[in-house]
Amino acid sequence: MRSDEVSVTIGNHMRALIGSVFVAIAACSAPSEIVKTGPTTYRVRTDAGGGNPSDAEIKTRGIARANEFCAAQGKRAVINVGQSTGWHMFSVQTAEVQFVCDDPLPSRPASAASAA
């Protein structure tokens, strides 16, 4: 093989590798799927998505996704459970958040202090 043919082959492989990296990054940033687990209960799983976020950060993403889901229905999310898995070297860190969508809290009447 000539050196210019080797360069083209290596260049093609690099483009394929870079394309794969972009696809992987895009997959990490996609919203987590909501799964219905009962008549009124749902579950969302979020993962680390790259980097080294804390357990709390990963759970916060799940809670935010639950809030978005319920808000789209005009309701509020009530979080029941948050579980974490995969906190060892060769696994993806994930958090699972279970929730229900409940009616929004009634608005409070304005107090005398806030009216002044």
PDB file of N, CA and C in Angstrom:
ATOM      1  N   MET A   1       0.831  -1.169   0.000  1.00  0.00           N
ATOM      2  CA  MET A   1       0.000   0.000   0.000  1.00  0.00           C
ATOM      3  C   MET A   1       0.883   1.242   0.000  1.00  0.00           C
ATOM      4  N   ARG A   2       0.483   2.225  -0.753  1.00  0.00           N
ATOM      5  CA  ARG A   2       1.247   3.472  -0.792  1.00  0.00           C
ATOM      6  C   ARG A   2       0.897   4.315   0.427  1.00  0.00           C
ATOM      7  N   SER A   3       1.767   5.251   0.745  1.00  0.00           N
ATOM      8  CA  SER A   3       1.555   6.078   1.939  1.00  0.00           C
ATOM      9  C   SER A   3       0.314   6.955   1.810  1.00  0.00           C
ATOM     10  N   ASP A   4      -0.001   7.436   0.597  1.00  0.00           N
ATOM     11  CA  ASP A   4      -1.206   8.258   0.450  1.00  0.00           C
ATOM     12  C   ASP A   4      -2.473   7.422   0.612  1.00  0.00           C
ATOM     13  N   GLU A   5      -2.447   6.130   0.241  1.00  0.00           N
ATOM     14  CA  GLU A   5      -3.590   5.243   0.453  1.00  0.00           C
ATOM     15  C   GLU A   5      -3.773   4.960   1.940  1.00  0.00           C
ATOM     16  N   VAL A   6      -2.668   4.821   2.656  1.00  0.00           N
ATOM     17  CA  VAL A   6      -2.724   4.599   4.104  1.00  0.00           C
ATOM     18  C   VAL A   6      -3.333   5.819   4.783  1.00  0.00           C
ATOM     19  N   SER A   7      -2.938   7.021   4.347  1.00  0.00           N
ATOM     20  CA  SER A   7      -3.480   8.258   4.920  1.00  0.00           C
ATOM     21  C   SER A   7      -4.981   8.349   4.714  1.00  0.00           C
ATOM     22  N   VAL A   8      -5.454   7.995   3.515  1.00  0.00           N
ATOM     23  CA  VAL A   8      -6.891   8.048   3.238  1.00  0.00           C
ATOM     24  C   VAL A   8      -7.626   7.048   4.115  1.00  0.00           C
ATOM     25  N   THR A   9      -7.094   5.838   4.270  1.00  0.00           N
ATOM     26  CA  THR A   9      -7.730   4.812   5.093  1.00  0.00           C
ATOM     27  C   THR A   9      -7.795   5.263   6.551  1.00  0.00           C
ATOM     28  N   ILE A  10      -6.703   5.802   7.068  1.00  0.00           N
ATOM     29  CA  ILE A  10      -6.691   6.279   8.449  1.00  0.00           C
ATOM     30  C   ILE A  10      -7.668   7.439   8.599  1.00  0.00           C
ATOM     31  N   GLY A  11      -7.703   8.342   7.623  1.00  0.00           N
ATOM     32  CA  GLY A  11      -8.640   9.465   7.673  1.00  0.00           C
ATOM     33  C   GLY A  11     -10.087   9.005   7.706  1.00  0.00           C
ATOM     34  N   ASN A  12     -10.414   7.995   6.918  1.00  0.00           N
ATOM     35  CA  ASN A  12     -11.785   7.461   6.910  1.00  0.00           C
ATOM     36  C   ASN A  12     -12.141   6.854   8.267  1.00  0.00           C
ATOM     37  N   HIS A  13     -11.182   6.141   8.849  1.00  0.00           N
ATOM     38  CA  HIS A  13     -11.423   5.534  10.159  1.00  0.00           C
ATOM     39  C   HIS A  13     -11.614   6.604  11.233  1.00  0.00           C
ATOM     40  N   MET A  14     -10.833   7.669  11.159  1.00  0.00           N
ATOM     41  CA  MET A  14     -10.958   8.756  12.133  1.00  0.00           C
ATOM     42  C   MET A  14     -12.321   9.438  12.011  1.00  0.00           C
ATOM     43  N   ARG A  15     -12.772   9.668  10.775  1.00  0.00           N
ATOM     44  CA  ARG A  15     -14.088  10.277  10.589  1.00  0.00           C
ATOM     45  C   ARG A  15     -15.184   9.382  11.165  1.00  0.00           C
ATOM     46  N   ALA A  16     -15.062   8.092  10.960  1.00  0.00           N
ATOM     47  CA  ALA A  16     -16.055   7.159  11.506  1.00  0.00           C
ATOM     48  C   ALA A  16     -16.027   7.176  13.039  1.00  0.00           C
ATOM     49  N   LEU A  17     -14.835   7.230  13.612  1.00  0.00           N
ATOM     50  CA  LEU A  17     -14.697   7.264  15.068  1.00  0.00           C
ATOM     51  C   LEU A  17     -15.281   8.550  15.634  1.00  0.00           C
ATOM     52  N   ILE A  18     -14.979   9.672  15.007  1.00  0.00           N
ATOM     53  CA  ILE A  18     -15.509  10.957  15.462  1.00  0.00           C
ATOM     54  C   ILE A  18     -17.028  10.978  15.344  1.00  0.00           C
ATOM     55  N   GLY A  19     -17.555  10.446  14.253  1.00  0.00           N
ATOM     56  CA  GLY A  19     -19.009  10.361  14.095  1.00  0.00           C
ATOM     57  C   GLY A  19     -19.645   9.526  15.192  1.00  0.00           C
ATOM     58  N   SER A  20     -18.999   8.422  15.554  1.00  0.00           N
ATOM     59  CA  SER A  20     -19.522   7.565  16.622  1.00  0.00           C
ATOM     60  C   SER A  20     -19.538   8.295  17.959  1.00  0.00           C
ATOM     61  N   VAL A  21     -18.513   9.086  18.210  1.00  0.00           N
ATOM     62  CA  VAL A  21     -18.443   9.851  19.453  1.00  0.00           C
ATOM     63  C   VAL A  21     -19.594  10.856  19.510  1.00  0.00           C
ATOM     64  N   PHE A  22     -19.864  11.549  18.406  1.00  0.00           N
ATOM     65  CA  PHE A  22     -20.972  12.512  18.391  1.00  0.00           C
ATOM     66  C   PHE A  22     -22.308  11.832  18.624  1.00  0.00           C
ATOM     67  N   VAL A  23     -22.503  10.664  18.040  1.00  0.00           N
ATOM     68  CA  VAL A  23     -23.756   9.924  18.255  1.00  0.00           C
ATOM     69  C   VAL A  23     -23.883   9.528  19.720  1.00  0.00           C
ATOM     70  N   ALA A  24     -22.795   9.078  20.328  1.00  0.00           N
ATOM     71  CA  ALA A  24     -22.826   8.685  21.742  1.00  0.00           C
ATOM     72  C   ALA A  24     -23.147   9.872  22.640  1.00  0.00           C
ATOM     73  N   ILE A  25     -22.566  11.020  22.346  1.00  0.00           N
ATOM     74  CA  ILE A  25     -22.834  12.215  23.148  1.00  0.00           C
ATOM     75  C   ILE A  25     -24.287  12.645  22.996  1.00  0.00           C
ATOM     76  N   ALA A  26     -24.802  12.601  21.786  1.00  0.00           N
ATOM     77  CA  ALA A  26     -26.194  12.979  21.550  1.00  0.00           C
ATOM     78  C   ALA A  26     -27.139  12.037  22.294  1.00  0.00           C
ATOM     79  N   ALA A  27     -26.806  10.764  22.336  1.00  0.00           N
ATOM     80  CA  ALA A  27     -27.652   9.795  23.039  1.00  0.00           C
ATOM     81  C   ALA A  27     -27.686  10.091  24.531  1.00  0.00           C
ATOM     82  N   CYS A  28     -26.575  10.563  25.083  1.00  0.00           N
ATOM     83  CA  CYS A  28     -26.525  10.880  26.511  1.00  0.00           C
ATOM     84  C   CYS A  28     -27.363  12.099  26.852  1.00  0.00           C
ATOM     85  N   SER A  29     -27.534  13.003  25.910  1.00  0.00           N
ATOM     86  CA  SER A  29     -28.257  14.225  26.208  1.00  0.00           C
ATOM     87  C   SER A  29     -29.752  14.113  25.904  1.00  0.00           C
ATOM     88  N   ALA A  30     -30.190  12.983  25.380  1.00  0.00           N
ATOM     89  CA  ALA A  30     -31.612  12.808  25.079  1.00  0.00           C
ATOM     90  C   ALA A  30     -32.396  12.710  26.381  1.00  0.00           C
ATOM     91  N   PRO A  31     -33.629  13.217  26.403  1.00  0.00           N
ATOM     92  CA  PRO A  31     -34.425  13.125  27.621  1.00  0.00           C
ATOM     93  C   PRO A  31     -34.680  11.669  27.998  1.00  0.00           C
ATOM     94  N   SER A  32     -34.732  11.425  29.288  1.00  0.00           N
ATOM     95  CA  SER A  32     -34.979  10.080  29.776  1.00  0.00           C
ATOM     96  C   SER A  32     -36.432   9.701  29.534  1.00  0.00           C
ATOM     97  N   GLU A  33     -36.633   8.436  29.226  1.00  0.00           N
ATOM     98  CA  GLU A  33     -37.975   7.952  28.921  1.00  0.00           C
ATOM     99  C   GLU A  33     -38.768   7.731  30.199  1.00  0.00           C
ATOM    100  N   ILE A  34     -40.003   8.177  30.175  1.00  0.00           N
ATOM    101  CA  ILE A  34     -40.928   7.961  31.289  1.00  0.00           C
ATOM    102  C   ILE A  34     -41.650   6.643  31.045  1.00  0.00           C
ATOM    103  N   VAL A  35     -41.695   5.794  32.070  1.00  0.00           N
ATOM    104  CA  VAL A  35     -42.360   4.497  31.968  1.00  0.00           C
ATOM    105  C   VAL A  35     -43.494   4.462  32.982  1.00  0.00           C
ATOM    106  N   LYS A  36     -44.689   4.105  32.519  1.00  0.00           N
ATOM    107  CA  LYS A  36     -45.835   3.965  33.423  1.00  0.00           C
ATOM    108  C   LYS A  36     -45.698   2.629  34.144  1.00  0.00           C
ATOM    109  N   THR A  37     -45.713   2.654  35.478  1.00  0.00           N
ATOM    110  CA  THR A  37     -45.516   1.433  36.257  1.00  0.00           C
ATOM    111  C   THR A  37     -46.764   0.992  37.002  1.00  0.00           C
ATOM    112  N   GLY A  38     -47.814   1.784  36.945  1.00  0.00           N
ATOM    113  CA  GLY A  38     -49.070   1.461  37.611  1.00  0.00           C
ATOM    114  C   GLY A  38     -50.139   2.414  37.122  1.00  0.00           C
ATOM    115  N   PRO A  39     -51.329   2.321  37.693  1.00  0.00           N
ATOM    116  CA  PRO A  39     -52.420   3.182  37.236  1.00  0.00           C
ATOM    117  C   PRO A  39     -52.088   4.675  37.325  1.00  0.00           C
ATOM    118  N   THR A  40     -51.357   5.078  38.353  1.00  0.00           N
ATOM    119  CA  THR A  40     -51.023   6.494  38.524  1.00  0.00           C
ATOM    120  C   THR A  40     -49.541   6.723  38.798  1.00  0.00           C
ATOM    121  N   THR A  41     -48.730   5.686  38.670  1.00  0.00           N
ATOM    122  CA  THR A  41     -47.314   5.810  39.012  1.00  0.00           C
ATOM    123  C   THR A  41     -46.442   5.697  37.768  1.00  0.00           C
ATOM    124  N   TYR A  42     -45.298   6.369  37.827  1.00  0.00           N
ATOM    125  CA  TYR A  42     -44.360   6.414  36.713  1.00  0.00           C
ATOM    126  C   TYR A  42     -42.948   6.236  37.240  1.00  0.00           C
ATOM    127  N   ARG A  43     -42.034   5.948  36.316  1.00  0.00           N
ATOM    128  CA  ARG A  43     -40.619   5.810  36.659  1.00  0.00           C
ATOM    129  C   ARG A  43     -39.793   6.455  35.556  1.00  0.00           C
ATOM    130  N   VAL A  44     -38.721   7.098  35.948  1.00  0.00           N
ATOM    131  CA  VAL A  44     -37.756   7.632  35.001  1.00  0.00           C
ATOM    132  C   VAL A  44     -36.366   7.230  35.499  1.00  0.00           C
ATOM    133  N   ARG A  45     -35.529   6.796  34.557  1.00  0.00           N
ATOM    134  CA  ARG A  45     -34.139   6.464  34.884  1.00  0.00           C
ATOM    135  C   ARG A  45     -33.239   7.449  34.171  1.00  0.00           C
ATOM    136  N   THR A  46     -32.306   7.997  34.898  1.00  0.00           N
ATOM    137  CA  THR A  46     -31.326   8.894  34.301  1.00  0.00           C
ATOM    138  C   THR A  46     -29.945   8.307  34.544  1.00  0.00           C
ATOM    139  N   ASP A  47     -29.014   8.647  33.660  1.00  0.00           N
ATOM    140  CA  ASP A  47     -27.659   8.143  33.844  1.00  0.00           C
ATOM    141  C   ASP A  47     -26.671   9.291  33.880  1.00  0.00           C
ATOM    142  N   ALA A  48     -25.414   8.938  34.157  1.00  0.00           N
ATOM    143  CA  ALA A  48     -24.370   9.945  34.323  1.00  0.00           C
ATOM    144  C   ALA A  48     -24.183  10.770  33.062  1.00  0.00           C
ATOM    145  N   GLY A  49     -24.340  10.179  31.889  1.00  0.00           N
ATOM    146  CA  GLY A  49     -24.263  10.925  30.646  1.00  0.00           C
ATOM    147  C   GLY A  49     -22.903  11.527  30.368  1.00  0.00           C
ATOM    148  N   GLY A  50     -21.856  10.973  30.898  1.00  0.00           N
ATOM    149  CA  GLY A  50     -20.516  11.508  30.688  1.00  0.00           C
ATOM    150  C   GLY A  50     -20.079  12.295  31.909  1.00  0.00           C
ATOM    151  N   GLY A  51     -18.804  12.416  32.055  1.00  0.00           N
ATOM    152  CA  GLY A  51     -18.279  13.110  33.225  1.00  0.00           C
ATOM    153  C   GLY A  51     -18.402  12.238  34.453  1.00  0.00           C
ATOM    154  N   ASN A  52     -18.362  12.867  35.603  1.00  0.00           N
ATOM    155  CA  ASN A  52     -18.436  12.136  36.861  1.00  0.00           C
ATOM    156  C   ASN A  52     -19.370  12.870  37.827  1.00  0.00           C
ATOM    157  N   PRO A  53     -20.671  12.952  37.489  1.00  0.00           N
ATOM    158  CA  PRO A  53     -21.601  13.666  38.367  1.00  0.00           C
ATOM    159  C   PRO A  53     -21.849  12.884  39.650  1.00  0.00           C
ATOM    160  N   SER A  54     -22.287  13.586  40.658  1.00  0.00           N
ATOM    161  CA  SER A  54     -22.615  12.936  41.926  1.00  0.00           C
ATOM    162  C   SER A  54     -23.966  12.236  41.827  1.00  0.00           C
ATOM    163  N   ASP A  55     -24.238  11.404  42.807  1.00  0.00           N
ATOM    164  CA  ASP A  55     -25.529  10.716  42.885  1.00  0.00           C
ATOM    165  C   ASP A  55     -26.661  11.741  42.931  1.00  0.00           C
ATOM    166  N   ALA A  56     -26.468  12.789  43.692  1.00  0.00           N
ATOM    167  CA  ALA A  56     -27.498  13.824  43.816  1.00  0.00           C
ATOM    168  C   ALA A  56     -27.764  14.514  42.481  1.00  0.00           C
ATOM    169  N   GLU A  57     -26.724  14.769  41.697  1.00  0.00           N
ATOM    170  CA  GLU A  57     -26.898  15.411  40.392  1.00  0.00           C
ATOM    171  C   GLU A  57     -27.692  14.529  39.441  1.00  0.00           C
ATOM    172  N   ILE A  58     -27.403  13.231  39.453  1.00  0.00           N
ATOM    173  CA  ILE A  58     -28.119  12.307  38.568  1.00  0.00           C
ATOM    174  C   ILE A  58     -29.586  12.211  38.995  1.00  0.00           C
ATOM    175  N   LYS A  59     -29.853  12.133  40.296  1.00  0.00           N
ATOM    176  CA  LYS A  59     -31.235  12.089  40.785  1.00  0.00           C
ATOM    177  C   LYS A  59     -31.960  13.387  40.460  1.00  0.00           C
ATOM    178  N   THR A  60     -31.248  14.503  40.546  1.00  0.00           N
ATOM    179  CA  THR A  60     -31.858  15.801  40.235  1.00  0.00           C
ATOM    180  C   THR A  60     -32.341  15.833  38.791  1.00  0.00           C
ATOM    181  N   ARG A  61     -31.580  15.227  37.882  1.00  0.00           N
ATOM    182  CA  ARG A  61     -32.015  15.146  36.481  1.00  0.00           C
ATOM    183  C   ARG A  61     -33.313  14.363  36.360  1.00  0.00           C
ATOM    184  N   GLY A  62     -33.413  13.252  37.097  1.00  0.00           N
ATOM    185  CA  GLY A  62     -34.639  12.449  37.071  1.00  0.00           C
ATOM    186  C   GLY A  62     -35.826  13.201  37.646  1.00  0.00           C
ATOM    187  N   ILE A  63     -35.594  13.917  38.735  1.00  0.00           N
ATOM    188  CA  ILE A  63     -36.660  14.696  39.352  1.00  0.00           C
ATOM    189  C   ILE A  63     -37.101  15.814  38.406  1.00  0.00           C
ATOM    190  N   ALA A  64     -36.144  16.455  37.757  1.00  0.00           N
ATOM    191  CA  ALA A  64     -36.480  17.515  36.796  1.00  0.00           C
ATOM    192  C   ALA A  64     -37.306  16.952  35.649  1.00  0.00           C
ATOM    193  N   ARG A  65     -36.950  15.764  35.173  1.00  0.00           N
ATOM    194  CA  ARG A  65     -37.706  15.133  34.076  1.00  0.00           C
ATOM    195  C   ARG A  65     -39.122  14.795  34.527  1.00  0.00           C
ATOM    196  N   ALA A  66     -39.264  14.306  35.770  1.00  0.00           N
ATOM    197  CA  ALA A  66     -40.591  14.008  36.317  1.00  0.00           C
ATOM    198  C   ALA A  66     -41.422  15.286  36.415  1.00  0.00           C
ATOM    199  N   ASN A  67     -40.803  16.379  36.876  1.00  0.00           N
ATOM    200  CA  ASN A  67     -41.507  17.663  36.970  1.00  0.00           C
ATOM    201  C   ASN A  67     -41.971  18.138  35.592  1.00  0.00           C
ATOM    202  N   GLU A  68     -41.115  18.016  34.580  1.00  0.00           N
ATOM    203  CA  GLU A  68     -41.484  18.409  33.213  1.00  0.00           C
ATOM    204  C   GLU A  68     -42.680  17.599  32.717  1.00  0.00           C
ATOM    205  N   PHE A  69     -42.621  16.293  32.949  1.00  0.00           N
ATOM    206  CA  PHE A  69     -43.671  15.387  32.489  1.00  0.00           C
ATOM    207  C   PHE A  69     -45.015  15.754  33.107  1.00  0.00           C
ATOM    208  N   CYS A  70     -45.027  15.957  34.422  1.00  0.00           N
ATOM    209  CA  CYS A  70     -46.283  16.281  35.101  1.00  0.00           C
ATOM    210  C   CYS A  70     -46.753  17.690  34.761  1.00  0.00           C
ATOM    211  N   ALA A  71     -45.835  18.638  34.649  1.00  0.00           N
ATOM    212  CA  ALA A  71     -46.204  20.023  34.311  1.00  0.00           C
ATOM    213  C   ALA A  71     -46.876  20.081  32.944  1.00  0.00           C
ATOM    214  N   ALA A  72     -46.456  19.230  32.027  1.00  0.00           N
ATOM    215  CA  ALA A  72     -47.071  19.200  30.696  1.00  0.00           C
ATOM    216  C   ALA A  72     -48.531  18.763  30.775  1.00  0.00           C
ATOM    217  N   GLN A  73     -48.913  18.109  31.869  1.00  0.00           N
ATOM    218  CA  GLN A  73     -50.296  17.683  32.088  1.00  0.00           C
ATOM    219  C   GLN A  73     -51.038  18.642  33.012  1.00  0.00           C
ATOM    220  N   GLY A  74     -50.388  19.743  33.384  1.00  0.00           N
ATOM    221  CA  GLY A  74     -51.003  20.697  34.307  1.00  0.00           C
ATOM    222  C   GLY A  74     -51.008  20.200  35.735  1.00  0.00           C
ATOM    223  N   LYS A  75     -50.100  19.300  36.059  1.00  0.00           N
ATOM    224  CA  LYS A  75     -50.047  18.722  37.406  1.00  0.00           C
ATOM    225  C   LYS A  75     -48.667  18.946  37.998  1.00  0.00           C
ATOM    226  N   ARG A  76     -48.475  18.433  39.213  1.00  0.00           N
ATOM    227  CA  ARG A  76     -47.172  18.509  39.871  1.00  0.00           C
ATOM    228  C   ARG A  76     -46.690  17.100  40.176  1.00  0.00           C
ATOM    229  N   ALA A  77     -45.388  16.918  40.163  1.00  0.00           N
ATOM    230  CA  ALA A  77     -44.801  15.608  40.455  1.00  0.00           C
ATOM    231  C   ALA A  77     -44.657  15.444  41.965  1.00  0.00           C
ATOM    232  N   VAL A  78     -45.018  14.270  42.445  1.00  0.00           N
ATOM    233  CA  VAL A  78     -44.785  13.892  43.832  1.00  0.00           C
ATOM    234  C   VAL A  78     -43.825  12.710  43.782  1.00  0.00           C
ATOM    235  N   ILE A  79     -42.611  12.928  44.241  1.00  0.00           N
ATOM    236  CA  ILE A  79     -41.553  11.924  44.152  1.00  0.00           C
ATOM    237  C   ILE A  79     -41.712  10.930  45.291  1.00  0.00           C
ATOM    238  N   ASN A  80     -41.679   9.640  44.951  1.00  0.00           N
ATOM    239  CA  ASN A  80     -41.810   8.585  45.953  1.00  0.00           C
ATOM    240  C   ASN A  80     -40.461   8.003  46.348  1.00  0.00           C
ATOM    241  N   VAL A  81     -39.646   7.625  45.373  1.00  0.00           N
ATOM    242  CA  VAL A  81     -38.420   6.896  45.658  1.00  0.00           C
ATOM    243  C   VAL A  81     -37.336   7.326  44.684  1.00  0.00           C
ATOM    244  N   GLY A  82     -36.124   7.382  45.148  1.00  0.00           N
ATOM    245  CA  GLY A  82     -34.977   7.564  44.264  1.00  0.00           C
ATOM    246  C   GLY A  82     -33.931   6.519  44.607  1.00  0.00           C
ATOM    247  N   GLN A  83     -33.623   5.642  43.657  1.00  0.00           N
ATOM    248  CA  GLN A  83     -32.634   4.586  43.889  1.00  0.00           C
ATOM    249  C   GLN A  83     -31.477   4.782  42.926  1.00  0.00           C
ATOM    250  N   SER A  84     -30.279   4.406  43.356  1.00  0.00           N
ATOM    251  CA  SER A  84     -29.100   4.526  42.510  1.00  0.00           C
ATOM    252  C   SER A  84     -28.492   3.156  42.280  1.00  0.00           C
ATOM    253  N   THR A  85     -27.887   2.991  41.108  1.00  0.00           N
ATOM    254  CA  THR A  85     -27.182   1.749  40.787  1.00  0.00           C
ATOM    255  C   THR A  85     -25.924   2.079  40.008  1.00  0.00           C
ATOM    256  N   GLY A  86     -25.060   1.091  39.896  1.00  0.00           N
ATOM    257  CA  GLY A  86     -23.896   1.200  39.025  1.00  0.00           C
ATOM    258  C   GLY A  86     -22.775   2.063  39.561  1.00  0.00           C
ATOM    259  N   TRP A  87     -22.564   2.080  40.843  1.00  0.00           N
ATOM    260  CA  TRP A  87     -21.523   2.940  41.389  1.00  0.00           C
ATOM    261  C   TRP A  87     -20.215   2.178  41.579  1.00  0.00           C
ATOM    262  N   HIS A  88     -19.832   1.406  40.574  1.00  0.00           N
ATOM    263  CA  HIS A  88     -18.506   0.795  40.586  1.00  0.00           C
ATOM    264  C   HIS A  88     -17.824   1.044  39.259  1.00  0.00           C
ATOM    265  N   MET A  89     -16.590   0.667  39.137  1.00  0.00           N
ATOM    266  CA  MET A  89     -15.721   1.131  38.065  1.00  0.00           C
ATOM    267  C   MET A  89     -16.230   0.908  36.642  1.00  0.00           C
ATOM    268  N   PHE A  90     -16.808  -0.234  36.331  1.00  0.00           N
ATOM    269  CA  PHE A  90     -17.125  -0.559  34.942  1.00  0.00           C
ATOM    270  C   PHE A  90     -18.612  -0.531  34.624  1.00  0.00           C
ATOM    271  N   SER A  91     -19.375   0.288  35.298  1.00  0.00           N
ATOM    272  CA  SER A  91     -20.803   0.378  34.992  1.00  0.00           C
ATOM    273  C   SER A  91     -21.215   1.838  34.877  1.00  0.00           C
ATOM    274  N   VAL A  92     -22.333   2.053  34.216  1.00  0.00           N
ATOM    275  CA  VAL A  92     -22.869   3.398  34.058  1.00  0.00           C
ATOM    276  C   VAL A  92     -23.665   3.739  35.308  1.00  0.00           C
ATOM    277  N   GLN A  93     -23.409   4.886  35.864  1.00  0.00           N
ATOM    278  CA  GLN A  93     -24.127   5.321  37.049  1.00  0.00           C
ATOM    279  C   GLN A  93     -25.538   5.735  36.639  1.00  0.00           C
ATOM    280  N   THR A  94     -26.538   5.185  37.307  1.00  0.00           N
ATOM    281  CA  THR A  94     -27.926   5.534  37.000  1.00  0.00           C
ATOM    282  C   THR A  94     -28.685   5.836  38.288  1.00  0.00           C
ATOM    283  N   ALA A  95     -29.733   6.589  38.147  1.00  0.00           N
ATOM    284  CA  ALA A  95     -30.651   6.845  39.254  1.00  0.00           C
ATOM    285  C   ALA A  95     -32.061   6.611  38.740  1.00  0.00           C
ATOM    286  N   GLU A  96     -32.872   6.028  39.571  1.00  0.00           N
ATOM    287  CA  GLU A  96     -34.266   5.751  39.223  1.00  0.00           C
ATOM    288  C   GLU A  96     -35.154   6.574  40.143  1.00  0.00           C
ATOM    289  N   VAL A  97     -36.077   7.291  39.554  1.00  0.00           N
ATOM    290  CA  VAL A  97     -37.005   8.116  40.319  1.00  0.00           C
ATOM    291  C   VAL A  97     -38.421   7.637  40.016  1.00  0.00           C
ATOM    292  N   GLN A  98     -39.159   7.285  41.065  1.00  0.00           N
ATOM    293  CA  GLN A  98     -40.557   6.893  40.911  1.00  0.00           C
ATOM    294  C   GLN A  98     -41.407   8.058  41.383  1.00  0.00           C
ATOM    295  N   PHE A  99     -42.520   8.298  40.673  1.00  0.00           N
ATOM    296  CA  PHE A  99     -43.332   9.459  41.011  1.00  0.00           C
ATOM    297  C   PHE A  99     -44.767   9.271  40.560  1.00  0.00           C
ATOM    298  N   VAL A 100     -45.619  10.137  41.056  1.00  0.00           N
ATOM    299  CA  VAL A 100     -47.008  10.241  40.599  1.00  0.00           C
ATOM    300  C   VAL A 100     -47.239  11.691  40.196  1.00  0.00           C
ATOM    301  N   CYS A 101     -48.179  11.891  39.289  1.00  0.00           N
ATOM    302  CA  CYS A 101     -48.589  13.245  38.918  1.00  0.00           C
ATOM    303  C   CYS A 101     -49.861  13.549  39.693  1.00  0.00           C
ATOM    304  N   ASP A 102     -49.813  14.589  40.497  1.00  0.00           N
ATOM    305  CA  ASP A 102     -50.931  14.957  41.363  1.00  0.00           C
ATOM    306  C   ASP A 102     -51.448  16.331  40.954  1.00  0.00           C
ATOM    307  N   ASP A 103     -52.652  16.634  41.401  1.00  0.00           N
ATOM    308  CA  ASP A 103     -53.206  17.963  41.136  1.00  0.00           C
ATOM    309  C   ASP A 103     -52.285  19.014  41.744  1.00  0.00           C
ATOM    310  N   PRO A 104     -52.191  20.159  41.109  1.00  0.00           N
ATOM    311  CA  PRO A 104     -51.333  21.211  41.666  1.00  0.00           C
ATOM    312  C   PRO A 104     -51.884  21.704  42.999  1.00  0.00           C
ATOM    313  N   LEU A 105     -50.982  22.222  43.827  1.00  0.00           N
ATOM    314  CA  LEU A 105     -51.410  22.784  45.101  1.00  0.00           C
ATOM    315  C   LEU A 105     -52.257  24.025  44.844  1.00  0.00           C
ATOM    316  N   PRO A 106     -53.280  24.241  45.663  1.00  0.00           N
ATOM    317  CA  PRO A 106     -54.072  25.457  45.467  1.00  0.00           C
ATOM    318  C   PRO A 106     -53.218  26.680  45.772  1.00  0.00           C
ATOM    319  N   SER A 107     -53.445  27.743  45.042  1.00  0.00           N
ATOM    320  CA  SER A 107     -52.666  28.959  45.283  1.00  0.00           C
ATOM    321  C   SER A 107     -53.118  29.586  46.585  1.00  0.00           C
ATOM    322  N   ARG A 108     -52.160  30.167  47.273  1.00  0.00           N
ATOM    323  CA  ARG A 108     -52.466  30.813  48.551  1.00  0.00           C
ATOM    324  C   ARG A 108     -53.007  32.214  48.308  1.00  0.00           C
ATOM    325  N   PRO A 109     -53.949  32.634  49.129  1.00  0.00           N
ATOM    326  CA  PRO A 109     -54.391  34.024  48.998  1.00  0.00           C
ATOM    327  C   PRO A 109     -53.274  34.947  49.448  1.00  0.00           C
ATOM    328  N   ALA A 110     -53.205  36.117  48.886  1.00  0.00           N
ATOM    329  CA  ALA A 110     -52.160  37.067  49.259  1.00  0.00           C
ATOM    330  C   ALA A 110     -52.315  37.452  50.725  1.00  0.00           C
ATOM    331  N   SER A 111     -51.194  37.502  51.439  1.00  0.00           N
ATOM    332  CA  SER A 111     -51.238  37.893  52.836  1.00  0.00           C
ATOM    333  C   SER A 111     -51.218  39.398  52.943  1.00  0.00           C
ATOM    334  N   ALA A 112     -51.545  39.907  54.100  1.00  0.00           N
ATOM    335  CA  ALA A 112     -51.556  41.357  54.325  1.00  0.00           C
ATOM    336  C   ALA A 112     -50.159  41.932  54.142  1.00  0.00           C
ATOM    337  N   ALA A 113     -49.132  41.176  54.538  1.00  0.00           N
ATOM    338  CA  ALA A 113     -47.755  41.663  54.435  1.00  0.00           C
ATOM    339  C   ALA A 113     -47.331  41.793  52.982  1.00  0.00           C
ATOM    340  N   SER A 114     -47.748  40.845  52.124  1.00  0.00           N
ATOM    341  CA  SER A 114     -47.332  40.910  50.709  1.00  0.00           C
ATOM    342  C   SER A 114     -48.157  41.934  49.931  1.00  0.00           C
ATOM    343  N   ALA A 115     -49.347  42.289  50.443  1.00  0.00           N
ATOM    344  CA  ALA A 115     -50.199  43.265  49.764  1.00  0.00           C
ATOM    345  C   ALA A 115     -49.734  44.697  50.017  1.00  0.00           C
ATOM    346  N   ALA A 116     -48.979  44.896  51.091  1.00  0.00           N
ATOM    347  CA  ALA A 116     -48.540  46.255  51.443  1.00  0.00           C
ATOM    348  C   ALA A 116     -47.364  46.720  50.668  1.00  0.00           C
TER     349      ALA A 116
END
